[in-house]
Amino acid sequence: TGGTVRNLANVSRRRQRYPISRLHGHSITIRRLHRLTRLLAGMSFKERRGVRGLNADRAGIIAAGALVVDAVAGHTRTDAVLVAGQGLREGIARSQFIKKLPPASAVRRSSVEEFAQRFGDVETHHAHDRAQLAVTLIELLDPDAEELHETVEYAAMLYNAGLQVDFYRRAGATTAILLDANLSGFSQPQIARIAAAARVARRPTWEVRSLRPLLTADDEETVQRAGVVVALAEELRRRSEPDAVKASRGRRNLRVSLPGRTSWTPDGLEERLQATFGVGLRIKGRS
């Protein structure tokens, strides 16, 4: 049942360093499920009652439940078990009001929009302006990376999620809030990438591996690319309305034109763009 799977997920999460406390979206690899099943089956009832993350009321049946889940997972030859925070009862209730499920992409966008209204920028339009600029930039820099586009857009939207919680340490507060946010439609690695991109936008030396096992060294490049785009979008937002910013990409440079005269020199951003996308940055004003 769902309760068995969620208890197994909670035990699995408690037995490792894990950055997200929510069970919804948690993934248990088959290898880890095998080990956990053997561990629980080899324990006495008293020992199982003391297992961290396990509801004591399930100590008598969890071993049998784990064996069933393990057998079903093996039979289907799946790589992992993905945990849902809601079960059959919630599904039946929802089916009475929702005849057709919306696309996952629409669920993600709606979830981010709602979250951005409750947290982050005092002026909500700042988040939308930043996201609009970020999308324009990433479409020029890497037009084919669709998943990266979504990471960039939502990291830009939620860049200031920690602003109203801790103004002076907003970067860390933003990371913590996003990791525990009830964002629907996202996998936990997707949430981790968005949180990491928002953090790296402010602090490029921040270690992505601090969110392992959700993110590893293999995610470093993706997060750095997303982070520098969000950082540049924020700097541009402070200086101009999104529709007034003109950007294009040449063979060697990303060229950005701002209305009026400008002497702005983007500190560190040109080097970051060169390292992540292989292009320089040229800023100019126009009359």
C-alpha atoms as a PDB file:
ATOM      1  CA  THR A   1       0.000   0.000   0.000  1.00  0.00           C
ATOM      2  CA  GLY A   2       0.953   3.653  -0.166  1.00  0.00           C
ATOM      3  CA  GLY A   3       1.622   3.696   3.566  1.00  0.00           C
ATOM      4  CA  THR A   4       4.163   0.893   3.232  1.00  0.00           C
ATOM      5  CA  VAL A   5       5.995   2.623   0.395  1.00  0.00           C
ATOM      6  CA  ARG A   6       6.030   5.973   2.196  1.00  0.00           C
ATOM      7  CA  ASN A   7       7.386   4.376   5.360  1.00  0.00           C
ATOM      8  CA  LEU A   8      10.112   2.628   3.362  1.00  0.00           C
ATOM      9  CA  ALA A   9      10.961   5.945   1.718  1.00  0.00           C
ATOM     10  CA  ASN A  10      11.132   7.708   5.069  1.00  0.00           C
ATOM     11  CA  VAL A  11      13.452   5.048   6.492  1.00  0.00           C
ATOM     12  CA  SER A  12      15.609   5.220   3.370  1.00  0.00           C
ATOM     13  CA  ARG A  13      15.803   9.015   3.592  1.00  0.00           C
ATOM     14  CA  ARG A  14      16.738   8.957   7.280  1.00  0.00           C
ATOM     15  CA  ARG A  15      19.583   6.514   6.638  1.00  0.00           C
ATOM     16  CA  GLN A  16      21.469   8.937   4.395  1.00  0.00           C
ATOM     17  CA  ARG A  17      22.317  12.606   4.132  1.00  0.00           C
ATOM     18  CA  TYR A  18      19.389  13.906   2.118  1.00  0.00           C
ATOM     19  CA  PRO A  19      18.588  17.567   1.352  1.00  0.00           C
ATOM     20  CA  ILE A  20      14.782  17.373   0.953  1.00  0.00           C
ATOM     21  CA  SER A  21      12.498  16.410   3.827  1.00  0.00           C
ATOM     22  CA  ARG A  22       9.342  15.888   1.720  1.00  0.00           C
ATOM     23  CA  LEU A  23       8.503  12.297   0.813  1.00  0.00           C
ATOM     24  CA  HIS A  24       6.523  13.219  -2.297  1.00  0.00           C
ATOM     25  CA  GLY A  25       8.816  12.667  -5.268  1.00  0.00           C
ATOM     26  CA  HIS A  26      11.391  10.706  -3.277  1.00  0.00           C
ATOM     27  CA  SER A  27      12.960   7.913  -5.315  1.00  0.00           C
ATOM     28  CA  ILE A  28      14.287   4.627  -3.902  1.00  0.00           C
ATOM     29  CA  THR A  29      16.630   2.762  -6.199  1.00  0.00           C
ATOM     30  CA  ILE A  30      16.011  -0.967  -6.544  1.00  0.00           C
ATOM     31  CA  ARG A  31      19.418  -1.715  -5.090  1.00  0.00           C
ATOM     32  CA  ARG A  32      18.637   0.383  -2.019  1.00  0.00           C
ATOM     33  CA  LEU A  33      15.178  -1.215  -1.745  1.00  0.00           C
ATOM     34  CA  HIS A  34      16.759  -4.694  -1.768  1.00  0.00           C
ATOM     35  CA  ARG A  35      19.136  -3.739   1.050  1.00  0.00           C
ATOM     36  CA  LEU A  36      16.385  -2.120   3.097  1.00  0.00           C
ATOM     37  CA  THR A  37      14.103  -5.147   2.689  1.00  0.00           C
ATOM     38  CA  ARG A  38      16.823  -7.522   3.874  1.00  0.00           C
ATOM     39  CA  LEU A  39      17.619  -5.242   6.799  1.00  0.00           C
ATOM     40  CA  LEU A  40      14.019  -5.042   8.017  1.00  0.00           C
ATOM     41  CA  ALA A  41      13.353  -8.751   7.469  1.00  0.00           C
ATOM     42  CA  GLY A  42      16.364  -9.601   9.629  1.00  0.00           C
ATOM     43  CA  MET A  43      15.234  -7.476  12.578  1.00  0.00           C
ATOM     44  CA  SER A  44      13.092  -8.418  15.521  1.00  0.00           C
ATOM     45  CA  PHE A  45       9.790  -6.654  16.170  1.00  0.00           C
ATOM     46  CA  LYS A  46      11.407  -4.643  18.959  1.00  0.00           C
ATOM     47  CA  GLU A  47      14.299  -3.602  16.724  1.00  0.00           C
ATOM     48  CA  ARG A  48      11.954  -2.477  13.964  1.00  0.00           C
ATOM     49  CA  ARG A  49      10.034  -0.281  16.411  1.00  0.00           C
ATOM     50  CA  GLY A  50      13.267   1.634  16.975  1.00  0.00           C
ATOM     51  CA  VAL A  51      14.073   2.248  13.308  1.00  0.00           C
ATOM     52  CA  ARG A  52      14.282   5.962  12.535  1.00  0.00           C
ATOM     53  CA  GLY A  53      11.609   7.092  10.100  1.00  0.00           C
ATOM     54  CA  LEU A  54       9.378   4.049  10.605  1.00  0.00           C
ATOM     55  CA  ASN A  55       5.919   4.479  12.100  1.00  0.00           C
ATOM     56  CA  ALA A  56       6.001   2.226  15.172  1.00  0.00           C
ATOM     57  CA  ASP A  57       2.472   1.006  14.389  1.00  0.00           C
ATOM     58  CA  ARG A  58       3.836  -0.598  11.211  1.00  0.00           C
ATOM     59  CA  ALA A  59       6.698  -2.441  12.884  1.00  0.00           C
ATOM     60  CA  GLY A  60       4.811  -5.731  12.730  1.00  0.00           C
ATOM     61  CA  ILE A  61       3.912  -5.608   9.038  1.00  0.00           C
ATOM     62  CA  ILE A  62       6.615  -3.515   7.380  1.00  0.00           C
ATOM     63  CA  ALA A  63       8.902  -6.476   6.616  1.00  0.00           C
ATOM     64  CA  ALA A  64       6.120  -8.309   4.765  1.00  0.00           C
ATOM     65  CA  GLY A  65       5.113  -5.123   2.978  1.00  0.00           C
ATOM     66  CA  ALA A  66       8.716  -4.463   1.954  1.00  0.00           C
ATOM     67  CA  LEU A  67       9.006  -7.981   0.518  1.00  0.00           C
ATOM     68  CA  VAL A  68       5.886  -7.404  -1.599  1.00  0.00           C
ATOM     69  CA  VAL A  69       7.100  -4.016  -2.866  1.00  0.00           C
ATOM     70  CA  ASP A  70      10.533  -5.483  -3.594  1.00  0.00           C
ATOM     71  CA  ALA A  71       8.993  -8.400  -5.510  1.00  0.00           C
ATOM     72  CA  VAL A  72       6.705  -6.155  -7.577  1.00  0.00           C
ATOM     73  CA  ALA A  73       9.586  -3.812  -8.391  1.00  0.00           C
ATOM     74  CA  GLY A  74      11.724  -6.758  -9.451  1.00  0.00           C
ATOM     75  CA  HIS A  75       8.944  -8.219 -11.595  1.00  0.00           C
ATOM     76  CA  THR A  76       8.418  -4.927 -13.449  1.00  0.00           C
ATOM     77  CA  ARG A  77      12.187  -4.546 -13.924  1.00  0.00           C
ATOM     78  CA  THR A  78      12.071  -0.932 -12.895  1.00  0.00           C
ATOM     79  CA  ASP A  79      15.153   1.006 -11.810  1.00  0.00           C
ATOM     80  CA  ALA A  80      13.541   2.798  -8.890  1.00  0.00           C
ATOM     81  CA  VAL A  81      10.326   3.270  -6.930  1.00  0.00           C
ATOM     82  CA  LEU A  82       8.946   6.814  -7.073  1.00  0.00           C
ATOM     83  CA  VAL A  83       6.988   7.805  -3.989  1.00  0.00           C
ATOM     84  CA  ALA A  84       3.751   9.804  -4.131  1.00  0.00           C
ATOM     85  CA  GLY A  85       2.697  11.875  -1.163  1.00  0.00           C
ATOM     86  CA  GLN A  86      -0.956  11.152  -1.914  1.00  0.00           C
ATOM     87  CA  GLY A  87      -2.688   7.839  -2.418  1.00  0.00           C
ATOM     88  CA  LEU A  88      -5.776   6.096  -3.760  1.00  0.00           C
ATOM     89  CA  ARG A  89      -8.218   7.978  -1.536  1.00  0.00           C
ATOM     90  CA  GLU A  90      -6.974  11.363  -2.714  1.00  0.00           C
ATOM     91  CA  GLY A  91      -7.075  10.155  -6.313  1.00  0.00           C
ATOM     92  CA  ILE A  92     -10.702   9.060  -6.021  1.00  0.00           C
ATOM     93  CA  ALA A  93     -11.668  12.389  -4.441  1.00  0.00           C
ATOM     94  CA  ARG A  94      -9.894  14.411  -7.130  1.00  0.00           C
ATOM     95  CA  SER A  95     -11.469  12.357  -9.917  1.00  0.00           C
ATOM     96  CA  GLN A  96     -14.893  13.627  -8.853  1.00  0.00           C
ATOM     97  CA  PHE A  97     -13.891  17.199  -9.711  1.00  0.00           C
ATOM     98  CA  ILE A  98     -11.131  16.857 -12.322  1.00  0.00           C
ATOM     99  CA  LYS A  99     -12.089  14.914 -15.445  1.00  0.00           C
ATOM    100  CA  LYS A 100      -8.850  15.477 -17.316  1.00  0.00           C
ATOM    101  CA  LEU A 101      -5.430  15.977 -15.770  1.00  0.00           C
ATOM    102  CA  PRO A 102      -3.516  19.037 -16.996  1.00  0.00           C
ATOM    103  CA  PRO A 103      -0.052  18.567 -18.551  1.00  0.00           C
ATOM    104  CA  ALA A 104       2.773  18.308 -16.016  1.00  0.00           C
ATOM    105  CA  SER A 105       4.359  21.434 -17.498  1.00  0.00           C
ATOM    106  CA  ALA A 106       1.182  23.416 -16.749  1.00  0.00           C
ATOM    107  CA  VAL A 107       1.132  22.083 -13.177  1.00  0.00           C
ATOM    108  CA  ARG A 108       4.753  23.147 -12.681  1.00  0.00           C
ATOM    109  CA  ARG A 109       4.156  26.644 -14.023  1.00  0.00           C
ATOM    110  CA  SER A 110       1.034  27.173 -11.912  1.00  0.00           C
ATOM    111  CA  SER A 111       2.852  25.920  -8.819  1.00  0.00           C
ATOM    112  CA  VAL A 112       5.790  28.291  -9.337  1.00  0.00           C
ATOM    113  CA  GLU A 113       3.491  31.250 -10.032  1.00  0.00           C
ATOM    114  CA  GLU A 114       1.556  30.639  -6.828  1.00  0.00           C
ATOM    115  CA  PHE A 115       4.730  30.207  -4.791  1.00  0.00           C
ATOM    116  CA  ALA A 116       6.300  33.374  -6.217  1.00  0.00           C
ATOM    117  CA  GLN A 117       3.248  35.368  -5.137  1.00  0.00           C
ATOM    118  CA  ARG A 118       3.649  34.226  -1.534  1.00  0.00           C
ATOM    119  CA  PHE A 119       7.427  34.456  -1.276  1.00  0.00           C
ATOM    120  CA  GLY A 120      10.213  36.445  -2.835  1.00  0.00           C
ATOM    121  CA  ASP A 121      10.155  39.854  -4.482  1.00  0.00           C
ATOM    122  CA  VAL A 122       8.101  42.499  -2.731  1.00  0.00           C
ATOM    123  CA  GLU A 123       6.999  43.579  -6.204  1.00  0.00           C
ATOM    124  CA  THR A 124       5.822  40.392  -7.956  1.00  0.00           C
ATOM    125  CA  HIS A 125       6.418  41.866 -11.404  1.00  0.00           C
ATOM    126  CA  HIS A 126      10.150  41.894 -10.629  1.00  0.00           C
ATOM    127  CA  ALA A 127      10.118  38.086 -10.643  1.00  0.00           C
ATOM    128  CA  HIS A 128       8.291  38.001 -13.978  1.00  0.00           C
ATOM    129  CA  ASP A 129      10.620  40.615 -15.487  1.00  0.00           C
ATOM    130  CA  ARG A 130      13.675  38.643 -14.371  1.00  0.00           C
ATOM    131  CA  ALA A 131      12.227  35.412 -15.741  1.00  0.00           C
ATOM    132  CA  GLN A 132      11.346  37.045 -19.073  1.00  0.00           C
ATOM    133  CA  LEU A 133      14.904  38.311 -19.475  1.00  0.00           C
ATOM    134  CA  ALA A 134      16.379  34.971 -18.416  1.00  0.00           C
ATOM    135  CA  VAL A 135      14.302  33.085 -20.994  1.00  0.00           C
ATOM    136  CA  THR A 136      15.381  35.501 -23.732  1.00  0.00           C
ATOM    137  CA  LEU A 137      19.041  35.011 -22.812  1.00  0.00           C
ATOM    138  CA  ILE A 138      18.991  31.216 -22.550  1.00  0.00           C
ATOM    139  CA  GLU A 139      17.179  30.914 -25.879  1.00  0.00           C
ATOM    140  CA  LEU A 140      20.091  32.783 -27.456  1.00  0.00           C
ATOM    141  CA  LEU A 141      22.825  30.963 -25.565  1.00  0.00           C
ATOM    142  CA  ASP A 142      21.520  27.386 -25.741  1.00  0.00           C
ATOM    143  CA  PRO A 143      18.349  27.170 -27.856  1.00  0.00           C
ATOM    144  CA  ASP A 144      18.042  23.367 -27.832  1.00  0.00           C
ATOM    145  CA  ALA A 145      18.338  22.670 -24.085  1.00  0.00           C
ATOM    146  CA  GLU A 146      14.635  22.574 -23.167  1.00  0.00           C
ATOM    147  CA  GLU A 147      15.076  21.272 -19.622  1.00  0.00           C
ATOM    148  CA  LEU A 148      17.730  23.923 -18.952  1.00  0.00           C
ATOM    149  CA  HIS A 149      15.278  26.579 -20.177  1.00  0.00           C
ATOM    150  CA  GLU A 150      12.762  25.542 -17.528  1.00  0.00           C
ATOM    151  CA  THR A 151      15.412  25.476 -14.799  1.00  0.00           C
ATOM    152  CA  VAL A 152      16.546  28.971 -15.778  1.00  0.00           C
ATOM    153  CA  GLU A 153      13.033  30.417 -15.936  1.00  0.00           C
ATOM    154  CA  TYR A 154      11.920  29.059 -12.577  1.00  0.00           C
ATOM    155  CA  ALA A 155      15.212  29.814 -10.818  1.00  0.00           C
ATOM    156  CA  ALA A 156      14.786  33.401 -12.052  1.00  0.00           C
ATOM    157  CA  MET A 157      11.180  33.509 -10.830  1.00  0.00           C
ATOM    158  CA  LEU A 158      12.142  32.196  -7.391  1.00  0.00           C
ATOM    159  CA  TYR A 159      15.526  33.940  -7.119  1.00  0.00           C
ATOM    160  CA  ASN A 160      14.363  35.989  -4.115  1.00  0.00           C
ATOM    161  CA  ALA A 161      12.243  33.337  -2.391  1.00  0.00           C
ATOM    162  CA  GLY A 162      14.120  33.917   0.870  1.00  0.00           C
ATOM    163  CA  LEU A 163      13.901  37.709   0.783  1.00  0.00           C
ATOM    164  CA  GLN A 164      11.042  38.075   3.239  1.00  0.00           C
ATOM    165  CA  VAL A 165      12.395  35.371   5.551  1.00  0.00           C
ATOM    166  CA  ASP A 166      15.952  36.657   6.006  1.00  0.00           C
ATOM    167  CA  PHE A 167      16.825  39.820   4.091  1.00  0.00           C
ATOM    168  CA  TYR A 168      20.532  39.747   4.944  1.00  0.00           C
ATOM    169  CA  ARG A 169      21.033  36.029   4.285  1.00  0.00           C
ATOM    170  CA  ARG A 170      18.519  35.664   1.508  1.00  0.00           C
ATOM    171  CA  ALA A 171      20.689  33.336  -0.607  1.00  0.00           C
ATOM    172  CA  GLY A 172      20.779  30.604   2.035  1.00  0.00           C
ATOM    173  CA  ALA A 173      17.164  31.226   2.996  1.00  0.00           C
ATOM    174  CA  THR A 174      16.116  30.888  -0.649  1.00  0.00           C
ATOM    175  CA  THR A 175      17.883  27.538  -0.978  1.00  0.00           C
ATOM    176  CA  ALA A 176      16.290  26.194   2.209  1.00  0.00           C
ATOM    177  CA  ILE A 177      12.792  27.383   1.280  1.00  0.00           C
ATOM    178  CA  LEU A 178      12.923  25.974  -2.245  1.00  0.00           C
ATOM    179  CA  LEU A 179      14.159  22.583  -1.072  1.00  0.00           C
ATOM    180  CA  ASP A 180      11.173  22.275   1.250  1.00  0.00           C
ATOM    181  CA  ALA A 181       8.666  24.009  -1.026  1.00  0.00           C
ATOM    182  CA  ASN A 182       5.526  22.159  -2.006  1.00  0.00           C
ATOM    183  CA  LEU A 183       6.135  22.637  -5.733  1.00  0.00           C
ATOM    184  CA  SER A 184       3.869  20.313  -7.693  1.00  0.00           C
ATOM    185  CA  GLY A 185       4.868  18.561 -10.904  1.00  0.00           C
ATOM    186  CA  PHE A 186       8.610  18.563 -10.230  1.00  0.00           C
ATOM    187  CA  SER A 187      10.899  15.659  -9.464  1.00  0.00           C
ATOM    188  CA  GLN A 188      13.167  16.167  -6.468  1.00  0.00           C
ATOM    189  CA  PRO A 189      16.291  16.482  -8.677  1.00  0.00           C
ATOM    190  CA  GLN A 190      14.485  19.204 -10.663  1.00  0.00           C
ATOM    191  CA  ILE A 191      13.703  21.108  -7.459  1.00  0.00           C
ATOM    192  CA  ALA A 192      17.325  20.728  -6.359  1.00  0.00           C
ATOM    193  CA  ARG A 193      18.592  22.103  -9.692  1.00  0.00           C
ATOM    194  CA  ILE A 194      16.306  25.146  -9.441  1.00  0.00           C
ATOM    195  CA  ALA A 195      17.403  25.819  -5.855  1.00  0.00           C
ATOM    196  CA  ALA A 196      21.059  25.364  -6.794  1.00  0.00           C
ATOM    197  CA  ALA A 197      20.788  27.649  -9.837  1.00  0.00           C
ATOM    198  CA  ALA A 198      19.231  30.419  -7.733  1.00  0.00           C
ATOM    199  CA  ARG A 199      22.071  30.027  -5.197  1.00  0.00           C
ATOM    200  CA  VAL A 200      24.864  29.904  -7.790  1.00  0.00           C
ATOM    201  CA  ALA A 201      23.461  33.022  -9.453  1.00  0.00           C
ATOM    202  CA  ARG A 202      24.597  34.933  -6.370  1.00  0.00           C
ATOM    203  CA  ARG A 203      27.544  32.777  -5.355  1.00  0.00           C
ATOM    204  CA  PRO A 204      29.235  30.941  -8.252  1.00  0.00           C
ATOM    205  CA  THR A 205      31.679  29.168  -5.920  1.00  0.00           C
ATOM    206  CA  TRP A 206      28.860  27.465  -3.988  1.00  0.00           C
ATOM    207  CA  GLU A 207      29.293  23.691  -4.107  1.00  0.00           C
ATOM    208  CA  VAL A 208      26.542  21.911  -6.009  1.00  0.00           C
ATOM    209  CA  ARG A 209      27.539  18.603  -4.446  1.00  0.00           C
ATOM    210  CA  SER A 210      26.185  19.847  -1.106  1.00  0.00           C
ATOM    211  CA  LEU A 211      22.795  18.713  -2.465  1.00  0.00           C
ATOM    212  CA  ARG A 212      23.898  15.151  -3.121  1.00  0.00           C
ATOM    213  CA  PRO A 213      22.558  12.544  -3.754  1.00  0.00           C
ATOM    214  CA  LEU A 214      20.051  14.607  -5.754  1.00  0.00           C
ATOM    215  CA  LEU A 215      22.836  16.506  -7.505  1.00  0.00           C
ATOM    216  CA  THR A 216      26.337  15.297  -8.282  1.00  0.00           C
ATOM    217  CA  ALA A 217      29.436  16.611 -10.009  1.00  0.00           C
ATOM    218  CA  ASP A 218      27.720  15.817 -13.316  1.00  0.00           C
ATOM    219  CA  ASP A 219      25.169  18.565 -12.587  1.00  0.00           C
ATOM    220  CA  GLU A 220      27.802  21.238 -11.975  1.00  0.00           C
ATOM    221  CA  GLU A 221      27.914  22.489 -15.569  1.00  0.00           C
ATOM    222  CA  THR A 222      24.120  22.687 -15.907  1.00  0.00           C
ATOM    223  CA  VAL A 223      23.752  24.584 -12.636  1.00  0.00           C
ATOM    224  CA  GLN A 224      26.577  26.997 -13.452  1.00  0.00           C
ATOM    225  CA  ARG A 225      25.056  27.736 -16.853  1.00  0.00           C
ATOM    226  CA  ALA A 226      21.635  28.360 -15.342  1.00  0.00           C
ATOM    227  CA  GLY A 227      23.122  30.433 -12.529  1.00  0.00           C
ATOM    228  CA  VAL A 228      25.014  32.899 -14.724  1.00  0.00           C
ATOM    229  CA  VAL A 229      21.939  33.465 -16.919  1.00  0.00           C
ATOM    230  CA  VAL A 230      19.810  34.226 -13.851  1.00  0.00           C
ATOM    231  CA  ALA A 231      22.518  36.555 -12.495  1.00  0.00           C
ATOM    232  CA  LEU A 232      22.729  38.476 -15.771  1.00  0.00           C
ATOM    233  CA  ALA A 233      18.933  38.665 -16.026  1.00  0.00           C
ATOM    234  CA  GLU A 234      18.766  40.197 -12.534  1.00  0.00           C
ATOM    235  CA  GLU A 235      21.387  42.824 -13.399  1.00  0.00           C
ATOM    236  CA  LEU A 236      19.524  43.740 -16.577  1.00  0.00           C
ATOM    237  CA  ARG A 237      16.189  43.888 -14.728  1.00  0.00           C
ATOM    238  CA  ARG A 238      17.615  46.490 -12.364  1.00  0.00           C
ATOM    239  CA  ARG A 239      18.580  48.698 -15.291  1.00  0.00           C
ATOM    240  CA  SER A 240      15.744  48.405 -17.781  1.00  0.00           C
ATOM    241  CA  GLU A 241      12.286  47.130 -18.576  1.00  0.00           C
ATOM    242  CA  PRO A 242      12.513  43.670 -20.214  1.00  0.00           C
ATOM    243  CA  ASP A 243      10.955  44.792 -23.504  1.00  0.00           C
ATOM    244  CA  ALA A 244      13.561  47.550 -23.842  1.00  0.00           C
ATOM    245  CA  VAL A 245      16.505  45.133 -23.625  1.00  0.00           C
ATOM    246  CA  LYS A 246      17.774  44.000 -27.010  1.00  0.00           C
ATOM    247  CA  ALA A 247      20.033  40.964 -27.128  1.00  0.00           C
ATOM    248  CA  SER A 248      21.676  38.939 -29.872  1.00  0.00           C
ATOM    249  CA  ARG A 249      24.396  36.350 -30.115  1.00  0.00           C
ATOM    250  CA  GLY A 250      27.355  36.532 -32.450  1.00  0.00           C
ATOM    251  CA  ARG A 251      30.100  33.991 -32.977  1.00  0.00           C
ATOM    252  CA  ARG A 252      32.153  35.285 -30.063  1.00  0.00           C
ATOM    253  CA  ASN A 253      29.920  37.479 -27.930  1.00  0.00           C
ATOM    254  CA  LEU A 254      26.506  37.895 -26.408  1.00  0.00           C
ATOM    255  CA  ARG A 255      25.575  41.462 -27.286  1.00  0.00           C
ATOM    256  CA  VAL A 256      23.124  43.383 -25.091  1.00  0.00           C
ATOM    257  CA  SER A 257      21.777  46.824 -25.907  1.00  0.00           C
ATOM    258  CA  LEU A 258      20.155  48.989 -23.213  1.00  0.00           C
ATOM    259  CA  PRO A 259      18.163  52.194 -23.710  1.00  0.00           C
ATOM    260  CA  GLY A 260      20.103  55.405 -23.075  1.00  0.00           C
ATOM    261  CA  ARG A 261      23.765  55.831 -22.298  1.00  0.00           C
ATOM    262  CA  THR A 262      25.384  53.267 -20.027  1.00  0.00           C
ATOM    263  CA  SER A 263      28.784  52.862 -18.437  1.00  0.00           C
ATOM    264  CA  TRP A 264      27.836  49.637 -16.678  1.00  0.00           C
ATOM    265  CA  THR A 265      30.567  47.012 -16.576  1.00  0.00           C
ATOM    266  CA  PRO A 266      29.130  43.659 -15.428  1.00  0.00           C
ATOM    267  CA  ASP A 267      31.546  42.553 -12.728  1.00  0.00           C
ATOM    268  CA  GLY A 268      32.543  38.901 -13.193  1.00  0.00           C
ATOM    269  CA  LEU A 269      29.667  38.016 -15.505  1.00  0.00           C
ATOM    270  CA  GLU A 270      31.701  38.128 -18.712  1.00  0.00           C
ATOM    271  CA  GLU A 271      34.192  35.634 -17.262  1.00  0.00           C
ATOM    272  CA  ARG A 272      31.360  33.363 -16.132  1.00  0.00           C
ATOM    273  CA  LEU A 273      29.693  33.475 -19.545  1.00  0.00           C
ATOM    274  CA  GLN A 274      32.983  32.661 -21.220  1.00  0.00           C
ATOM    275  CA  ALA A 275      33.539  29.697 -18.893  1.00  0.00           C
ATOM    276  CA  THR A 276      30.031  28.260 -19.242  1.00  0.00           C
ATOM    277  CA  PHE A 277      28.903  29.150 -22.770  1.00  0.00           C
ATOM    278  CA  GLY A 278      32.157  30.049 -24.504  1.00  0.00           C
ATOM    279  CA  VAL A 279      31.068  33.602 -25.355  1.00  0.00           C
ATOM    280  CA  GLY A 280      32.011  37.048 -24.147  1.00  0.00           C
ATOM    281  CA  LEU A 281      29.622  39.830 -23.129  1.00  0.00           C
ATOM    282  CA  ARG A 282      29.278  43.221 -24.758  1.00  0.00           C
ATOM    283  CA  ILE A 283      27.010  45.881 -23.245  1.00  0.00           C
ATOM    284  CA  LYS A 284      26.187  49.108 -25.034  1.00  0.00           C
ATOM    285  CA  GLY A 285      23.648  51.901 -24.760  1.00  0.00           C
ATOM    286  CA  ARG A 286      21.464  53.271 -27.488  1.00  0.00           C
ATOM    287  CA  SER A 287      19.610  56.506 -27.973  1.00  0.00           C
END
